[in-house]
Protein backbone atom coordinates (compact mmCIF):
# COMPACT_ATOMS: atom_id res chain seq x y z
CA MET A 1 -20.43 -13.26 36.98
CA THR A 2 -16.95 -12.71 35.75
CA ASP A 3 -14.31 -15.25 36.40
CA GLU A 4 -11.38 -13.42 37.42
CA THR A 5 -8.84 -15.62 34.96
CA ASP A 6 -11.41 -14.01 32.18
CA VAL A 7 -10.00 -10.58 32.90
CA PRO A 8 -6.46 -9.32 31.96
CA PRO A 9 -3.98 -8.43 34.09
CA THR A 10 -3.93 -4.37 34.68
CA PRO A 11 -0.45 -3.08 33.33
CA SER A 12 1.58 -1.15 35.46
CA GLY A 13 3.14 2.01 34.12
CA VAL A 14 2.46 3.47 30.87
CA THR A 15 1.62 1.21 28.01
CA ALA A 16 2.84 2.08 24.27
CA TYR A 17 0.29 1.83 21.46
CA LEU A 18 1.78 1.85 17.84
CA VAL A 19 0.08 2.22 14.83
CA VAL A 20 1.89 0.15 11.99
CA GLN A 21 1.17 -0.59 8.42
CA GLY A 22 1.06 -4.40 8.70
CA ALA A 23 0.34 -5.22 11.99
CA ALA A 24 0.60 -8.97 11.57
CA ALA A 25 4.17 -8.71 10.31
CA ALA A 26 4.86 -6.09 12.99
CA ILE A 27 3.91 -8.84 15.49
CA ASP A 28 6.20 -11.36 13.94
CA PHE A 29 8.69 -9.02 14.11
CA TYR A 30 8.51 -8.08 17.38
CA LYS A 31 8.15 -11.86 18.46
CA ASN A 32 11.70 -12.58 16.53
CA VAL A 33 13.45 -9.78 17.49
CA LEU A 34 12.43 -8.76 20.69
CA GLY A 35 10.83 -11.92 22.34
CA ALA A 36 7.42 -10.46 22.60
CA GLU A 37 4.77 -12.47 23.86
CA GLU A 38 1.36 -12.04 22.02
CA THR A 39 -1.53 -12.08 24.59
CA LEU A 40 -4.49 -10.68 22.32
CA ARG A 41 -5.13 -10.32 18.79
CA LEU A 42 -8.16 -8.84 17.25
CA ALA A 43 -8.31 -9.24 13.58
CA SER A 44 -11.11 -8.55 10.86
CA PRO A 45 -11.79 -11.11 8.44
CA ASP A 46 -9.46 -9.58 6.13
CA GLY A 47 -6.57 -9.99 8.21
CA ALA A 48 -6.52 -6.45 9.59
CA ILE A 49 -5.49 -6.02 13.05
CA GLY A 50 -8.18 -4.07 14.89
CA HIS A 51 -6.03 -4.25 18.32
CA ALA A 52 -3.32 -6.42 19.61
CA GLU A 53 -1.44 -6.73 22.87
CA LEU A 54 2.09 -7.87 23.45
CA LEU A 55 4.48 -8.06 26.38
CA ILE A 56 7.92 -7.25 25.77
CA GLY A 57 10.68 -7.22 28.35
CA GLY A 58 8.02 -7.05 31.07
CA GLY A 59 6.17 -4.12 29.66
CA ALA A 60 3.10 -3.82 27.85
CA VAL A 61 2.68 -2.44 23.88
CA MET A 62 -0.73 -2.32 22.14
CA LEU A 63 -0.54 -1.95 18.37
CA ALA A 64 -3.23 -1.98 15.45
CA ASP A 65 -3.26 -1.39 11.71
CA GLU A 66 -3.60 2.22 10.24
CA VAL A 67 -7.24 3.47 9.68
CA PRO A 68 -6.39 6.72 7.67
CA ASP A 69 -9.98 7.40 7.55
CA MET A 70 -10.38 7.40 11.27
CA ASP A 71 -7.20 9.49 11.09
CA ILE A 72 -5.53 6.71 12.87
CA LYS A 73 -2.08 7.03 10.87
CA ALA A 74 1.08 4.88 10.80
CA PRO A 75 4.78 6.99 10.86
CA PRO A 76 4.95 6.49 7.12
CA THR A 77 1.89 8.19 6.76
CA ILE A 78 2.85 11.11 8.84
CA GLY A 79 6.44 11.12 7.67
CA GLY A 80 7.87 9.64 10.93
CA SER A 81 7.27 9.10 14.46
CA ALA A 82 8.33 11.44 17.20
CA THR A 83 8.46 8.51 20.03
CA GLY A 84 11.31 5.84 20.97
CA LEU A 85 10.71 2.90 22.79
CA LEU A 86 13.35 1.55 25.09
CA VAL A 87 13.62 -2.41 26.18
CA TYR A 88 16.42 -3.69 28.62
CA VAL A 89 17.71 -6.92 27.00
CA ASP A 90 20.56 -9.35 27.98
CA ASP A 91 22.57 -8.75 24.73
CA PRO A 92 21.89 -5.41 23.23
CA ASP A 93 24.43 -6.31 20.50
CA ALA A 94 22.87 -9.50 19.72
CA VAL A 95 19.18 -8.03 19.73
CA PHE A 96 20.45 -5.10 17.50
CA ASN A 97 22.14 -7.45 14.66
CA LYS A 98 19.06 -9.59 14.98
CA ALA A 99 16.80 -6.34 14.29
CA ILE A 100 18.95 -5.34 11.45
CA GLU A 101 18.91 -9.01 9.66
CA ALA A 102 15.14 -8.91 10.12
CA GLY A 103 14.96 -5.65 8.14
CA ALA A 104 15.46 -2.87 10.65
CA THR A 105 17.68 0.00 10.16
CA GLU A 106 20.56 1.41 12.02
CA PHE A 107 19.97 4.68 13.87
CA LYS A 108 22.92 4.76 16.12
CA PRO A 109 25.11 1.57 16.53
CA VAL A 110 25.79 -0.40 19.84
CA ALA A 111 27.99 1.34 22.18
CA ASP A 112 28.86 1.77 25.58
CA GLN A 113 27.28 4.84 26.79
CA PHE A 114 28.52 7.52 29.76
CA TYR A 115 25.67 6.67 31.90
CA GLY A 116 26.45 3.16 32.41
CA GLU A 117 24.71 1.40 29.82
CA ARG A 118 25.25 -0.48 26.35
CA SER A 119 22.66 0.40 23.79
CA GLY A 120 21.93 0.88 20.28
CA THR A 121 18.86 2.05 18.40
CA PHE A 122 17.14 1.08 15.33
CA ASP A 123 13.94 2.11 13.17
CA ASP A 124 12.06 -1.28 12.90
CA PRO A 125 10.24 -1.74 9.03
CA PHE A 126 7.21 -0.21 10.44
CA GLY A 127 8.88 3.21 11.10
CA HIS A 128 9.08 2.90 14.77
CA ARG A 129 12.34 3.48 16.86
CA TRP A 130 13.48 1.10 19.45
CA THR A 131 16.50 1.13 21.76
CA VAL A 132 17.93 -1.87 23.22
CA SER A 133 19.96 -1.72 26.12
CA LYS A 134 21.64 -3.33 29.15
CA ARG A 135 22.98 -1.72 32.36
CA THR A 136 26.77 -2.44 32.59
CA GLU A 137 27.51 -0.38 35.30
CA GLU A 138 26.05 0.66 38.64
CA ILE A 139 26.49 4.58 38.73
CA SER A 140 24.80 7.38 40.91
CA SER A 141 22.57 10.15 39.37
CA ALA A 142 25.27 12.59 40.58
CA ASP A 143 28.14 10.69 38.62
CA ILE A 144 25.89 10.47 35.53
CA LEU A 145 25.57 14.41 35.69
CA GLU A 146 29.38 14.67 36.14
CA ARG A 147 29.73 12.66 33.02
CA PHE A 148 27.14 14.22 30.97
CA ASN A 149 28.95 17.88 31.97
CA GLU A 150 32.21 16.68 31.06
CA LEU A 151 30.87 16.02 27.48
CA TYR A 152 30.36 19.48 27.13
CA SER A 153 33.57 20.70 28.54
């Protein structure tokens, strides 16, 4: 019989699954920059990560090292990633700067956005694009739409 404490909690919503070159280093980067909490790591004797689970900003992220022979490829192998990840943080400027100092590259600088958030976007050293954001203003969907339309008028 399985004790309930042996079963991990079921994450709610969508869980991102990242494939990286250098998963152990990626885990360290996410812990250092985004405050990730590692909840599981399955590593082979040579250190390759077959599967790991992290909690970042209240959401779950899973990741593994790439295995090209099994068609499991990281962004550098396929020429980039079509997926972006967003995490809400208390201080997007500080987190963004920490990411850059840790080897990320700027995609969009941190700035106040028309939709009531302050955010910036960086590419991590493993090829994944992250946006760090903080709500700065409570604004209705109608007002967001109006502001959006004003950008094009």
